[in-house]
Amino acid sequence: MIITHTYVELGNFTVTLTVTDDDGLIDTVSMNITVKNSPPIANFTFSPLAPVVGELVTFNGSLSSPEGGVIVGYYWDFGDGANSTGAIVSHAYGYSDTFNVTLTVLDSEGLNDTLVKQVTVYTRNIAIISLTPSTSKAYAGQVVTISVGVRNFGNEPQTFNVTAYYGGDNVTIETKRVSLEPFETTTVVFNWNTSGLVYKISYSLKAEATILPLETDVTDNILVNSTVRINLLGDANNDGVVNIKDATLLGISWLAREGSPSYNEDADFNRDKIINIKDATLLGAHWGERQNQRLWCRMLFRGVDKIIVFFLKAIALFLTFRIMACLNASVSMCQGLRG
């Protein structure tokens, strides 16, 4: 037979069982029972729910209930070798992992309870891993493609900006928004218009990713490792002036394609991988231009050239008329003598 009994008081009680058989024989057994309050129930929350390395995580054990006595102790084990005491505590993790956080609560009657929860700590770390221009030499006005490799080394998704710069003054080329999943890599392409840049100058290129809040490593958010030299369009030999020397180099590589022994990239002014009439046209359009020569200077010199040509033509025309007049006079004299 199974019976139940509820004690309404705390204390030590002796429970006695007496049994009698059908022959009237009796046996008795006794057992001592101590009645105590129910143990406390451990409970806690933590915030933020997805912390990153170095971020303070707040653990709140005040949700634990005493169930009879009074909770007199909160004992924390954060799973990384650190521990603490108190109803509300904070802790920052030094590396990324999933940690078993244990809370043990003790009440005034010496009773205790334990609760374990897992806390996953994330890493924030984005990096610029490569920076590659489409060419190391460009003509002013040419659009240079810049390919920037970006990787998310962290274990949570990230959205951030990547900006490309040129020159020592960090002139902005373009800024683009990038979103990456954990451990994902992508290539961001920028188009750099080199119009207006100074000739025969090598410009450094830089790519920079936005620093994330609590990012673990910010040293790899910037990469500077490439330069592009800007040359005068039509200046195939890079001497700072467009003249017969450049026309000669163009002629030597005439109709040569990329990969041919006679192909000269510096004479391929439009960068279409073949040297032809298009390149000759560009050379002619910039004939006589010099390094760092301002636009008004070029216009002035071209204007002077036109004036000189006009006067030369006028002089030639004048001399032609004079010669014809002299010839006519000579013919008239000869006819007079005959007469």
Protein backbone atom coordinates (compact mmCIF):
# COMPACT_ATOMS: atom_id res chain seq x y z
CA MET A 1 0.00 0.00 0.00
CA ILE A 2 1.25 3.48 -0.90
CA ILE A 3 0.09 6.53 1.00
CA THR A 4 1.07 10.24 0.91
CA HIS A 5 1.31 12.86 3.63
CA THR A 6 2.10 16.56 3.57
CA TYR A 7 3.94 18.13 6.48
CA VAL A 8 2.83 21.64 7.32
CA GLU A 9 5.73 22.39 9.63
CA LEU A 10 9.49 22.25 9.33
CA GLY A 11 11.42 19.94 11.56
CA ASN A 12 12.54 16.37 12.22
CA PHE A 13 9.85 13.67 12.31
CA THR A 14 9.90 9.95 13.06
CA VAL A 15 7.74 7.94 10.74
CA THR A 16 6.70 4.51 12.03
CA LEU A 17 5.23 1.71 9.96
CA THR A 18 3.44 -1.16 11.69
CA VAL A 19 2.24 -4.19 9.74
CA THR A 20 -0.04 -7.07 10.91
CA ASP A 21 -0.57 -10.36 9.10
CA ASP A 22 -3.64 -12.66 9.08
CA ASP A 23 -2.21 -14.65 11.98
CA GLY A 24 -2.18 -11.55 14.12
CA LEU A 25 1.57 -11.18 14.07
CA ILE A 26 2.94 -7.60 14.16
CA ASP A 27 6.17 -5.90 13.04
CA THR A 28 7.25 -2.29 13.28
CA VAL A 29 9.92 -0.16 11.55
CA SER A 30 10.74 3.52 12.08
CA MET A 31 12.59 6.17 10.01
CA ASN A 32 13.54 9.79 10.74
CA ILE A 33 12.53 12.46 8.18
CA THR A 34 13.71 16.06 8.13
CA VAL A 35 11.28 18.47 6.51
CA LYS A 36 12.91 21.57 4.95
CA ASN A 37 11.83 24.39 2.69
CA SER A 38 12.09 23.91 -1.11
CA PRO A 39 15.46 24.92 -2.60
CA PRO A 40 15.76 28.20 -4.49
CA ILE A 41 15.34 28.30 -8.28
CA ALA A 42 18.26 29.80 -10.19
CA ASN A 43 17.50 31.99 -13.20
CA PHE A 44 19.33 34.74 -15.07
CA THR A 45 19.40 36.85 -18.24
CA PHE A 46 22.31 38.44 -20.10
CA SER A 47 22.68 41.40 -22.42
CA PRO A 48 23.61 41.91 -25.19
CA LEU A 49 22.46 38.58 -26.58
CA ALA A 50 25.20 38.55 -29.26
CA PRO A 51 28.23 40.17 -27.62
CA VAL A 52 31.55 40.69 -29.37
CA VAL A 53 35.06 40.27 -28.07
CA GLY A 54 35.87 43.00 -25.56
CA GLU A 55 32.25 44.03 -25.03
CA LEU A 56 30.87 44.09 -21.48
CA VAL A 57 28.12 41.52 -20.98
CA THR A 58 25.72 42.14 -18.09
CA PHE A 59 24.42 39.06 -16.26
CA ASN A 60 21.32 39.51 -14.09
CA GLY A 61 20.53 36.78 -11.58
CA SER A 62 17.88 38.73 -9.66
CA LEU A 63 15.17 36.69 -11.40
CA SER A 64 16.12 33.73 -9.17
CA SER A 65 13.39 32.87 -6.61
CA PRO A 66 14.05 31.77 -2.98
CA GLU A 67 11.12 29.31 -2.61
CA GLY A 68 11.09 29.57 1.19
CA GLY A 69 14.30 30.96 2.57
CA VAL A 70 16.23 34.03 1.44
CA ILE A 71 18.86 33.95 -1.28
CA VAL A 72 22.14 34.92 0.33
CA GLY A 73 24.64 34.18 -2.42
CA TYR A 74 25.04 34.36 -6.20
CA TYR A 75 28.08 32.59 -7.61
CA TRP A 76 29.02 32.98 -11.29
CA ASP A 77 31.32 30.93 -13.52
CA PHE A 78 31.69 32.61 -16.95
CA GLY A 79 33.14 29.58 -18.68
CA ASP A 80 36.47 31.18 -19.60
CA GLY A 81 38.14 30.66 -16.22
CA ALA A 82 36.74 33.84 -14.69
CA ASN A 83 34.12 34.00 -11.93
CA SER A 84 32.30 36.54 -9.82
CA THR A 85 29.66 37.00 -7.11
CA GLY A 86 26.61 39.20 -6.86
CA ALA A 87 23.07 39.37 -8.20
CA ILE A 88 24.06 41.55 -11.19
CA VAL A 89 27.57 41.33 -12.63
CA SER A 90 29.42 42.23 -15.85
CA HIS A 91 32.13 40.44 -17.77
CA ALA A 92 34.01 40.95 -21.06
CA TYR A 93 35.37 38.01 -23.02
CA GLY A 94 38.82 38.17 -24.53
CA TYR A 95 38.22 35.81 -27.44
CA SER A 96 35.45 34.42 -29.59
CA ASP A 97 33.76 31.15 -28.61
CA THR A 98 30.61 29.68 -27.10
CA PHE A 99 30.86 29.70 -23.30
CA ASN A 100 28.85 27.81 -20.65
CA VAL A 101 27.89 30.38 -18.03
CA THR A 102 26.89 28.87 -14.67
CA LEU A 103 24.92 30.57 -11.91
CA THR A 104 24.61 28.91 -8.49
CA VAL A 105 22.30 30.48 -5.92
CA LEU A 106 22.41 29.69 -2.18
CA ASP A 107 19.60 30.44 0.27
CA SER A 108 19.55 31.10 4.00
CA GLU A 109 18.81 27.44 4.75
CA GLY A 110 21.87 26.22 2.91
CA LEU A 111 19.89 25.05 -0.08
CA ASN A 112 21.15 25.79 -3.58
CA ASP A 113 20.30 25.53 -7.26
CA THR A 114 22.35 25.80 -10.44
CA LEU A 115 21.50 26.99 -13.98
CA VAL A 116 23.73 26.85 -17.06
CA LYS A 117 23.24 28.96 -20.23
CA GLN A 118 25.39 29.25 -23.33
CA VAL A 119 26.74 32.63 -24.45
CA THR A 120 28.25 32.94 -27.93
CA VAL A 121 30.82 35.72 -28.27
CA TYR A 122 31.44 37.05 -31.77
CA THR A 123 34.41 38.65 -33.51
CA ARG A 124 34.19 41.85 -35.57
CA ASN A 125 37.07 42.12 -37.98
CA ILE A 126 36.93 43.35 -41.57
CA ALA A 127 40.03 43.86 -43.67
CA ILE A 128 41.27 45.26 -46.98
CA ILE A 129 43.26 42.35 -48.39
CA SER A 130 44.22 43.63 -51.86
CA LEU A 131 44.31 46.77 -54.00
CA THR A 132 45.00 46.40 -57.71
CA PRO A 133 44.75 49.12 -60.40
CA SER A 134 44.10 48.08 -64.00
CA THR A 135 47.39 49.70 -65.04
CA SER A 136 50.48 51.18 -63.43
CA LYS A 137 50.70 53.90 -66.12
CA ALA A 138 47.79 55.96 -67.38
CA TYR A 139 47.29 58.97 -69.62
CA ALA A 140 45.55 62.00 -68.14
CA GLY A 141 41.85 61.59 -68.75
CA GLN A 142 41.97 57.81 -68.82
CA VAL A 143 39.62 55.94 -66.47
CA VAL A 144 41.60 53.52 -64.31
CA THR A 145 39.76 50.56 -62.75
CA ILE A 146 40.76 49.83 -59.15
CA SER A 147 39.87 46.43 -57.71
CA VAL A 148 39.79 46.25 -53.91
CA GLY A 149 39.58 42.89 -52.12
CA VAL A 150 37.61 42.94 -48.85
CA ARG A 151 37.13 40.11 -46.34
CA ASN A 152 35.02 39.64 -43.22
CA PHE A 153 37.21 37.71 -40.79
CA GLY A 154 34.53 37.96 -38.09
CA ASN A 155 31.82 35.44 -37.29
CA GLU A 156 28.82 37.74 -37.72
CA PRO A 157 27.43 39.58 -40.82
CA GLN A 158 28.70 43.12 -41.36
CA THR A 159 27.71 46.11 -43.50
CA PHE A 160 30.23 48.94 -43.87
CA ASN A 161 31.75 51.50 -46.26
CA VAL A 162 34.86 51.09 -48.40
CA THR A 163 36.49 54.24 -49.80
CA ALA A 164 39.23 54.53 -52.42
CA TYR A 165 41.64 57.50 -52.38
CA TYR A 166 44.52 58.79 -54.50
CA GLY A 167 47.49 61.04 -53.78
CA GLY A 168 49.18 62.14 -50.60
CA ASP A 169 46.22 64.37 -49.74
CA ASN A 170 43.85 61.38 -49.82
CA VAL A 171 41.53 62.72 -52.48
CA THR A 172 38.36 60.61 -52.53
CA ILE A 173 37.75 58.58 -55.67
CA GLU A 174 34.54 56.88 -54.58
CA THR A 175 32.80 55.31 -51.57
CA LYS A 176 30.79 52.09 -51.79
CA ARG A 177 28.58 50.19 -49.33
CA VAL A 178 29.57 46.56 -48.72
CA SER A 179 27.73 43.73 -46.94
CA LEU A 180 29.53 40.49 -46.07
CA GLU A 181 28.55 37.28 -44.35
CA PRO A 182 30.98 35.74 -41.82
CA PHE A 183 34.31 34.79 -43.48
CA GLU A 184 33.08 36.01 -46.89
CA THR A 185 35.37 37.77 -49.39
CA THR A 186 34.36 40.11 -52.20
CA THR A 187 35.94 42.48 -54.72
CA VAL A 188 34.81 46.10 -54.86
CA VAL A 189 35.50 47.92 -58.15
CA PHE A 190 36.14 51.67 -58.33
CA ASN A 191 36.48 53.80 -61.48
CA TRP A 192 39.07 56.57 -61.20
CA ASN A 193 38.83 59.40 -63.73
CA THR A 194 42.33 60.85 -64.06
CA SER A 195 41.28 64.01 -65.92
CA GLY A 196 43.09 67.11 -64.71
CA LEU A 197 45.94 65.31 -62.95
CA VAL A 198 49.53 66.49 -63.25
CA TYR A 199 51.66 64.67 -65.80
CA LYS A 200 54.74 62.60 -64.92
CA ILE A 201 53.56 62.19 -61.32
CA SER A 202 53.04 58.84 -59.58
CA TYR A 203 49.91 58.88 -57.45
CA SER A 204 49.57 56.51 -54.50
CA LEU A 205 46.33 54.57 -54.09
CA LYS A 206 44.65 53.76 -50.79
CA ALA A 207 41.59 51.77 -49.78
CA GLU A 208 39.96 52.11 -46.37
CA ALA A 209 37.12 50.21 -44.68
CA THR A 210 35.00 51.76 -41.94
CA ILE A 211 36.12 50.79 -38.43
CA LEU A 212 33.35 48.80 -36.78
CA PRO A 213 32.33 49.36 -33.15
CA LEU A 214 34.51 47.14 -30.93
CA GLU A 215 36.42 45.78 -33.93
CA THR A 216 39.17 43.49 -32.70
CA ASP A 217 41.82 44.47 -35.27
CA VAL A 218 41.73 47.84 -37.04
CA THR A 219 45.26 47.74 -38.47
CA ASP A 220 44.06 45.88 -41.58
CA ASN A 221 41.24 48.33 -42.38
CA ILE A 222 43.62 50.41 -44.54
CA LEU A 223 45.83 49.29 -47.42
CA VAL A 224 48.25 51.45 -49.40
CA ASN A 225 50.36 49.43 -51.79
CA SER A 226 49.96 50.68 -55.37
CA THR A 227 50.88 53.70 -57.47
CA VAL A 228 49.79 54.87 -60.90
CA ARG A 229 51.94 57.20 -62.99
CA ILE A 230 50.04 59.80 -65.01
CA ASN A 231 51.56 60.63 -68.38
CA LEU A 232 50.74 63.25 -71.02
CA LEU A 233 48.44 61.81 -73.66
CA GLY A 234 50.50 61.30 -76.80
CA ASP A 235 53.83 61.30 -74.95
CA ALA A 236 54.93 57.76 -75.81
CA ASN A 237 58.52 58.16 -74.59
CA ASN A 238 57.49 59.97 -71.39
CA ASP A 239 59.82 62.93 -71.89
CA GLY A 240 57.10 65.46 -71.17
CA VAL A 241 56.47 66.68 -74.71
CA VAL A 242 54.48 65.30 -77.66
CA ASN A 243 56.65 65.51 -80.76
CA ILE A 244 58.34 63.58 -83.57
CA LYS A 245 59.97 61.15 -81.12
CA ASP A 246 56.56 59.92 -80.05
CA ALA A 247 55.42 59.70 -83.67
CA THR A 248 58.47 57.57 -84.37
CA LEU A 249 57.60 55.14 -81.56
CA LEU A 250 54.05 55.03 -82.86
CA GLY A 251 55.32 54.17 -86.34
CA ILE A 252 57.59 51.41 -85.04
CA SER A 253 54.63 49.73 -83.34
CA TRP A 254 52.14 50.43 -86.13
CA LEU A 255 49.33 47.81 -86.25
CA ALA A 256 51.01 45.79 -83.48
CA ARG A 257 48.67 44.08 -81.02
CA GLU A 258 49.19 43.25 -77.38
CA GLY A 259 51.47 40.23 -77.13
CA SER A 260 53.39 41.12 -80.28
CA PRO A 261 57.14 41.82 -79.84
CA SER A 262 56.70 45.23 -81.46
CA TYR A 263 53.71 46.23 -79.34
CA ASN A 264 54.43 49.27 -77.17
CA GLU A 265 51.86 49.91 -74.45
CA ASP A 266 53.01 53.52 -74.13
CA ALA A 267 52.08 54.13 -77.78
CA ASP A 268 48.65 52.57 -77.34
CA PHE A 269 47.08 55.85 -76.26
CA ASN A 270 43.47 54.66 -76.17
CA ARG A 271 44.40 51.37 -74.48
CA ASP A 272 42.49 49.19 -76.96
CA LYS A 273 45.45 46.77 -77.23
CA ILE A 274 46.23 47.66 -80.85
CA ILE A 275 48.21 50.57 -82.27
CA ASN A 276 46.44 52.12 -85.23
CA ILE A 277 44.92 55.29 -86.67
CA LYS A 278 43.00 55.96 -83.45
CA ASP A 279 46.27 56.33 -81.56
CA ALA A 280 47.74 58.45 -84.37
CA THR A 281 44.68 60.72 -84.13
CA LEU A 282 45.18 61.17 -80.39
CA LEU A 283 48.86 61.91 -80.89
CA GLY A 284 48.02 64.53 -83.51
CA ALA A 285 45.37 66.11 -81.28
CA HIS A 286 48.00 66.67 -78.56
CA TRP A 287 50.93 67.52 -80.84
CA GLY A 288 53.27 70.04 -79.25
CA GLU A 289 51.83 69.79 -75.76
CA ARG A 290 54.26 69.79 -72.87
CA GLN A 291 54.33 68.54 -69.30
CA ASN A 292 52.41 70.81 -66.86
CA GLN A 293 51.52 73.14 -69.71
CA ARG A 294 48.31 74.84 -68.76
CA LEU A 295 45.32 74.93 -71.07
CA TRP A 296 45.61 78.66 -71.73
CA CYS A 297 49.27 78.17 -72.63
CA ARG A 298 48.38 75.44 -75.10
CA MET A 299 45.69 77.64 -76.61
CA LEU A 300 48.11 80.55 -76.77
CA PHE A 301 50.85 78.52 -78.47
CA ARG A 302 48.37 76.99 -80.86
CA GLY A 303 47.08 80.51 -81.58
CA VAL A 304 50.62 81.72 -82.18
CA ASP A 305 51.18 78.77 -84.51
CA LYS A 306 48.12 79.72 -86.50
CA ILE A 307 49.23 83.38 -86.68
CA ILE A 308 52.71 82.34 -87.86
CA VAL A 309 51.23 80.06 -90.49
CA PHE A 310 48.91 82.87 -91.62
CA PHE A 311 51.81 85.30 -92.01
CA LEU A 312 53.91 82.68 -93.78
CA LYS A 313 51.11 82.10 -96.24
CA ALA A 314 50.64 85.82 -96.71
CA ILE A 315 54.36 86.31 -97.33
CA ALA A 316 54.39 83.43 -99.76
CA LEU A 317 51.40 84.89 -101.59
CA PHE A 318 53.03 88.33 -101.69
CA LEU A 319 56.25 86.93 -103.09
CA THR A 320 54.30 84.94 -105.64
CA PHE A 321 52.58 88.10 -106.89
CA ARG A 322 55.89 89.97 -107.01
CA ILE A 323 57.54 87.22 -109.00
CA MET A 324 54.62 87.11 -111.41
CA ALA A 325 54.73 90.91 -111.78
CA CYS A 326 58.44 90.78 -112.52
CA LEU A 327 57.93 88.07 -115.07
CA ASN A 328 55.19 90.07 -116.77
CA ALA A 329 57.42 93.14 -116.88
CA SER A 330 60.24 91.14 -118.40
CA VAL A 331 57.95 89.78 -121.09
CA SER A 332 56.77 93.28 -121.97
CA MET A 333 60.34 94.57 -122.28
CA CYS A 334 61.29 91.70 -124.54
CA GLN A 335 58.29 92.38 -126.81
CA GLY A 336 59.25 96.09 -126.95
CA LEU A 337 62.76 95.32 -128.03
CA ARG A 338 61.54 93.08 -130.79
CA GLY A 339 59.21 95.77 -131.99
